[in-house]
PDB file of N, CA and C in Angstrom:
ATOM      1  N   MET A   1     -49.803 -64.047  20.554  1.00  0.00           N
ATOM      2  CA  MET A   1     -48.846 -63.111  21.117  1.00  0.00           C
ATOM      3  C   MET A   1     -49.489 -62.460  22.337  1.00  0.00           C
ATOM      4  N   ILE A   2     -48.854 -62.648  23.489  1.00  0.00           N
ATOM      5  CA  ILE A   2     -49.359 -62.064  24.727  1.00  0.00           C
ATOM      6  C   ILE A   2     -48.558 -60.801  25.003  1.00  0.00           C
ATOM      7  N   ILE A   3     -49.240 -59.679  24.982  1.00  0.00           N
ATOM      8  CA  ILE A   3     -48.580 -58.406  25.247  1.00  0.00           C
ATOM      9  C   ILE A   3     -48.704 -58.125  26.737  1.00  0.00           C
ATOM     10  N   ASP A   4     -47.554 -58.043  27.405  1.00  0.00           N
ATOM     11  CA  ASP A   4     -47.537 -57.779  28.833  1.00  0.00           C
ATOM     12  C   ASP A   4     -46.252 -57.030  29.158  1.00  0.00           C
ATOM     13  N   PHE A   5     -46.306 -56.168  30.152  1.00  0.00           N
ATOM     14  CA  PHE A   5     -45.127 -55.369  30.487  1.00  0.00           C
ATOM     15  C   PHE A   5     -43.994 -56.222  31.044  1.00  0.00           C
ATOM     16  N   ARG A   6     -44.289 -57.433  31.500  1.00  0.00           N
ATOM     17  CA  ARG A   6     -43.253 -58.322  32.028  1.00  0.00           C
ATOM     18  C   ARG A   6     -42.562 -59.119  30.930  1.00  0.00           C
ATOM     19  N   ASN A   7     -43.143 -59.146  29.726  1.00  0.00           N
ATOM     20  CA  ASN A   7     -42.573 -59.889  28.604  1.00  0.00           C
ATOM     21  C   ASN A   7     -41.578 -58.982  27.864  1.00  0.00           C
ATOM     22  N   LEU A   8     -40.403 -58.815  28.441  1.00  0.00           N
ATOM     23  CA  LEU A   8     -39.433 -57.862  27.899  1.00  0.00           C
ATOM     24  C   LEU A   8     -38.875 -58.288  26.550  1.00  0.00           C
ATOM     25  N   SER A   9     -38.782 -59.578  26.299  1.00  0.00           N
ATOM     26  CA  SER A   9     -38.257 -60.025  25.007  1.00  0.00           C
ATOM     27  C   SER A   9     -39.180 -59.596  23.865  1.00  0.00           C
ATOM     28  N   LEU A  10     -40.473 -59.552  24.119  1.00  0.00           N
ATOM     29  CA  LEU A  10     -41.417 -59.079  23.104  1.00  0.00           C
ATOM     30  C   LEU A  10     -41.353 -57.561  22.971  1.00  0.00           C
ATOM     31  N   LEU A  11     -41.305 -56.853  24.086  1.00  0.00           N
ATOM     32  CA  LEU A  11     -41.299 -55.387  24.046  1.00  0.00           C
ATOM     33  C   LEU A  11     -40.046 -54.851  23.370  1.00  0.00           C
ATOM     34  N   ILE A  12     -38.915 -55.515  23.574  1.00  0.00           N
ATOM     35  CA  ILE A  12     -37.655 -55.054  22.968  1.00  0.00           C
ATOM     36  C   ILE A  12     -37.716 -55.153  21.449  1.00  0.00           C
ATOM     37  N   CYS A  13     -38.518 -56.072  20.934  1.00  0.00           N
ATOM     38  CA  CYS A  13     -38.653 -56.207  19.477  1.00  0.00           C
ATOM     39  C   CYS A  13     -39.313 -54.984  18.848  1.00  0.00           C
ATOM     40  N   TYR A  14     -40.058 -54.230  19.633  1.00  0.00           N
ATOM     41  CA  TYR A  14     -40.815 -53.100  19.107  1.00  0.00           C
ATOM     42  C   TYR A  14     -40.245 -51.751  19.522  1.00  0.00           C
ATOM     43  N   VAL A  15     -39.021 -51.729  20.027  1.00  0.00           N
ATOM     44  CA  VAL A  15     -38.312 -50.471  20.265  1.00  0.00           C
ATOM     45  C   VAL A  15     -36.994 -50.532  19.505  1.00  0.00           C
ATOM     46  N   ASP A  16     -36.526 -49.371  19.047  1.00  0.00           N
ATOM     47  CA  ASP A  16     -35.274 -49.359  18.289  1.00  0.00           C
ATOM     48  C   ASP A  16     -34.080 -49.241  19.241  1.00  0.00           C
ATOM     49  N   SER A  17     -32.907 -49.037  18.692  1.00  0.00           N
ATOM     50  CA  SER A  17     -31.689 -49.019  19.509  1.00  0.00           C
ATOM     51  C   SER A  17     -31.652 -47.843  20.482  1.00  0.00           C
ATOM     52  N   GLY A  18     -32.389 -46.775  20.180  1.00  0.00           N
ATOM     53  CA  GLY A  18     -32.473 -45.636  21.094  1.00  0.00           C
ATOM     54  C   GLY A  18     -33.647 -45.733  22.042  1.00  0.00           C
ATOM     55  N   TYR A  19     -34.313 -46.892  22.060  1.00  0.00           N
ATOM     56  CA  TYR A  19     -35.480 -47.185  22.898  1.00  0.00           C
ATOM     57  C   TYR A  19     -36.701 -46.335  22.553  1.00  0.00           C
ATOM     58  N   PHE A  20     -36.776 -45.861  21.322  1.00  0.00           N
ATOM     59  CA  PHE A  20     -37.990 -45.215  20.828  1.00  0.00           C
ATOM     60  C   PHE A  20     -38.924 -46.297  20.301  1.00  0.00           C
ATOM     61  N   ILE A  21     -40.232 -46.089  20.452  1.00  0.00           N
ATOM     62  CA  ILE A  21     -41.207 -47.065  19.978  1.00  0.00           C
ATOM     63  C   ILE A  21     -41.262 -46.996  18.453  1.00  0.00           C
ATOM     64  N   ILE A  22     -41.203 -48.145  17.808  1.00  0.00           N
ATOM     65  CA  ILE A  22     -41.257 -48.209  16.347  1.00  0.00           C
ATOM     66  C   ILE A  22     -42.682 -47.875  15.894  1.00  0.00           C
ATOM     67  N   PRO A  23     -42.852 -47.021  14.876  1.00  0.00           N
ATOM     68  CA  PRO A  23     -44.188 -46.617  14.432  1.00  0.00           C
ATOM     69  C   PRO A  23     -45.037 -47.785  13.929  1.00  0.00           C
ATOM     70  N   ARG A  24     -46.318 -47.604  13.995  1.00  0.00           N
ATOM     71  CA  ARG A  24     -47.265 -48.649  13.610  1.00  0.00           C
ATOM     72  C   ARG A  24     -47.150 -49.008  12.135  1.00  0.00           C
ATOM     73  N   ARG A  25     -46.870 -48.047  11.301  1.00  0.00           N
ATOM     74  CA  ARG A  25     -46.778 -48.328   9.861  1.00  0.00           C
ATOM     75  C   ARG A  25     -45.605 -49.246   9.535  1.00  0.00           C
ATOM     76  N   LEU A  26     -44.601 -49.281  10.402  1.00  0.00           N
ATOM     77  CA  LEU A  26     -43.463 -50.175  10.193  1.00  0.00           C
ATOM     78  C   LEU A  26     -43.665 -51.536  10.850  1.00  0.00           C
ATOM     79  N   THR A  27     -44.426 -51.577  11.942  1.00  0.00           N
ATOM     80  CA  THR A  27     -44.636 -52.844  12.645  1.00  0.00           C
ATOM     81  C   THR A  27     -45.753 -53.668  12.032  1.00  0.00           C
ATOM     82  N   LYS A  28     -46.648 -53.031  11.276  1.00  0.00           N
ATOM     83  CA  LYS A  28     -47.778 -53.709  10.618  1.00  0.00           C
ATOM     84  C   LYS A  28     -48.746 -54.346  11.624  1.00  0.00           C
ATOM     85  N   LEU A  29     -48.829 -53.771  12.821  1.00  0.00           N
ATOM     86  CA  LEU A  29     -49.774 -54.275  13.818  1.00  0.00           C
ATOM     87  C   LEU A  29     -51.138 -53.623  13.635  1.00  0.00           C
ATOM     88  N   ARG A  30     -52.174 -54.328  14.079  1.00  0.00           N
ATOM     89  CA  ARG A  30     -53.505 -53.726  14.083  1.00  0.00           C
ATOM     90  C   ARG A  30     -53.530 -52.621  15.132  1.00  0.00           C
ATOM     91  N   LEU A  31     -54.485 -51.697  15.002  1.00  0.00           N
ATOM     92  CA  LEU A  31     -54.551 -50.539  15.888  1.00  0.00           C
ATOM     93  C   LEU A  31     -54.707 -50.957  17.347  1.00  0.00           C
ATOM     94  N   ILE A  32     -55.591 -51.903  17.620  1.00  0.00           N
ATOM     95  CA  ILE A  32     -55.841 -52.339  19.006  1.00  0.00           C
ATOM     96  C   ILE A  32     -54.576 -52.943  19.607  1.00  0.00           C
ATOM     97  N   CYS A  33     -53.902 -53.791  18.843  1.00  0.00           N
ATOM     98  CA  CYS A  33     -52.672 -54.422  19.342  1.00  0.00           C
ATOM     99  C   CYS A  33     -51.575 -53.383  19.557  1.00  0.00           C
ATOM    100  N   TYR A  34     -51.487 -52.400  18.652  1.00  0.00           N
ATOM    101  CA  TYR A  34     -50.451 -51.380  18.777  1.00  0.00           C
ATOM    102  C   TYR A  34     -50.689 -50.509  20.006  1.00  0.00           C
ATOM    103  N   LYS A  35     -51.945 -50.130  20.250  1.00  0.00           N
ATOM    104  CA  LYS A  35     -52.254 -49.321  21.433  1.00  0.00           C
ATOM    105  C   LYS A  35     -51.930 -50.079  22.713  1.00  0.00           C
ATOM    106  N   ARG A  36     -52.241 -51.364  22.737  1.00  0.00           N
ATOM    107  CA  ARG A  36     -51.932 -52.197  23.901  1.00  0.00           C
ATOM    108  C   ARG A  36     -50.417 -52.305  24.086  1.00  0.00           C
ATOM    109  N   LEU A  37     -49.700 -52.463  22.978  1.00  0.00           N
ATOM    110  CA  LEU A  37     -48.244 -52.557  23.029  1.00  0.00           C
ATOM    111  C   LEU A  37     -47.628 -51.274  23.584  1.00  0.00           C
ATOM    112  N   VAL A  38     -48.079 -50.129  23.089  1.00  0.00           N
ATOM    113  CA  VAL A  38     -47.557 -48.839  23.550  1.00  0.00           C
ATOM    114  C   VAL A  38     -47.846 -48.649  25.035  1.00  0.00           C
ATOM    115  N   LYS A  39     -49.032 -49.035  25.461  1.00  0.00           N
ATOM    116  CA  LYS A  39     -49.409 -48.922  26.876  1.00  0.00           C
ATOM    117  C   LYS A  39     -48.469 -49.742  27.759  1.00  0.00           C
ATOM    118  N   HIS A  40     -48.154 -50.953  27.336  1.00  0.00           N
ATOM    119  CA  HIS A  40     -47.296 -51.815  28.136  1.00  0.00           C
ATOM    120  C   HIS A  40     -45.828 -51.394  28.059  1.00  0.00           C
ATOM    121  N   ILE A  41     -45.386 -50.836  26.943  1.00  0.00           N
ATOM    122  CA  ILE A  41     -44.019 -50.307  26.864  1.00  0.00           C
ATOM    123  C   ILE A  41     -43.866 -49.128  27.819  1.00  0.00           C
ATOM    124  N   LYS A  42     -44.860 -48.245  27.847  1.00  0.00           N
ATOM    125  CA  LYS A  42     -44.801 -47.094  28.750  1.00  0.00           C
ATOM    126  C   LYS A  42     -44.850 -47.532  30.207  1.00  0.00           C
ATOM    127  N   LEU A  43     -45.632 -48.554  30.503  1.00  0.00           N
ATOM    128  CA  LEU A  43     -45.691 -49.080  31.866  1.00  0.00           C
ATOM    129  C   LEU A  43     -44.350 -49.697  32.263  1.00  0.00           C
ATOM    130  N   ALA A  44     -43.726 -50.420  31.349  1.00  0.00           N
ATOM    131  CA  ALA A  44     -42.414 -51.014  31.630  1.00  0.00           C
ATOM    132  C   ALA A  44     -41.362 -49.928  31.850  1.00  0.00           C
ATOM    133  N   ARG A  45     -41.461 -48.824  31.130  1.00  0.00           N
ATOM    134  CA  ARG A  45     -40.541 -47.708  31.355  1.00  0.00           C
ATOM    135  C   ARG A  45     -40.761 -47.108  32.739  1.00  0.00           C
ATOM    136  N   TYR A  46     -42.023 -46.926  33.115  1.00  0.00           N
ATOM    137  CA  TYR A  46     -42.354 -46.341  34.409  1.00  0.00           C
ATOM    138  C   TYR A  46     -41.848 -47.222  35.553  1.00  0.00           C
ATOM    139  N   LEU A  47     -41.913 -48.531  35.368  1.00  0.00           N
ATOM    140  CA  LEU A  47     -41.454 -49.469  36.391  1.00  0.00           C
ATOM    141  C   LEU A  47     -39.952 -49.753  36.296  1.00  0.00           C
ATOM    142  N   ALA A  48     -39.257 -49.046  35.419  1.00  0.00           N
ATOM    143  CA  ALA A  48     -37.802 -49.145  35.227  1.00  0.00           C
ATOM    144  C   ALA A  48     -37.372 -50.503  34.693  1.00  0.00           C
ATOM    145  N   LEU A  49     -38.246 -51.167  33.929  1.00  0.00           N
ATOM    146  CA  LEU A  49     -37.863 -52.407  33.264  1.00  0.00           C
ATOM    147  C   LEU A  49     -37.227 -52.111  31.909  1.00  0.00           C
ATOM    148  N   LEU A  50     -37.621 -50.982  31.307  1.00  0.00           N
ATOM    149  CA  LEU A  50     -37.036 -50.494  30.053  1.00  0.00           C
ATOM    150  C   LEU A  50     -36.571 -49.059  30.280  1.00  0.00           C
ATOM    151  N   PRO A  51     -35.477 -48.645  29.659  1.00  0.00           N
ATOM    152  CA  PRO A  51     -35.046 -47.251  29.813  1.00  0.00           C
ATOM    153  C   PRO A  51     -35.894 -46.305  28.973  1.00  0.00           C
ATOM    154  N   PHE A  52     -35.951 -45.057  29.398  1.00  0.00           N
ATOM    155  CA  PHE A  52     -36.622 -44.026  28.625  1.00  0.00           C
ATOM    156  C   PHE A  52     -35.733 -43.656  27.441  1.00  0.00           C
ATOM    157  N   PRO A  53     -36.322 -43.244  26.315  1.00  0.00           N
ATOM    158  CA  PRO A  53     -35.500 -42.896  25.149  1.00  0.00           C
ATOM    159  C   PRO A  53     -34.748 -41.590  25.368  1.00  0.00           C
ATOM    160  N   GLY A  54     -33.546 -41.542  24.851  1.00  0.00           N
ATOM    161  CA  GLY A  54     -32.764 -40.318  24.881  1.00  0.00           C
ATOM    162  C   GLY A  54     -32.041 -40.057  26.187  1.00  0.00           C
ATOM    163  N   ILE A  55     -32.192 -40.923  27.180  1.00  0.00           N
ATOM    164  CA  ILE A  55     -31.513 -40.729  28.458  1.00  0.00           C
ATOM    165  C   ILE A  55     -30.286 -41.638  28.494  1.00  0.00           C
ATOM    166  N   LYS A  56     -29.128 -41.035  28.648  1.00  0.00           N
ATOM    167  CA  LYS A  56     -27.880 -41.796  28.690  1.00  0.00           C
ATOM    168  C   LYS A  56     -27.705 -42.401  30.078  1.00  0.00           C
ATOM    169  N   GLY A  57     -27.023 -43.526  30.132  1.00  0.00           N
ATOM    170  CA  GLY A  57     -26.727 -44.162  31.420  1.00  0.00           C
ATOM    171  C   GLY A  57     -25.761 -43.329  32.240  1.00  0.00           C
ATOM    172  N   ILE A  58     -25.827 -43.471  33.526  1.00  0.00           N
ATOM    173  CA  ILE A  58     -24.973 -42.678  34.425  1.00  0.00           C
ATOM    174  C   ILE A  58     -23.633 -43.367  34.598  1.00  0.00           C
TER     175      ILE A  58
END
């Protein structure tokens, strides 16, 4: 599994319908992989590839 901010199909699997990141205890990922995943999800949000949670569309 390659975790990268450009791999949106993978990142979408780890966010819920409100675009909140799913907790580690539910994803069953190792700590290192989870930290890397969170880092890339936040980067994708910053680059506007993923929406921020709780923000409605205009």
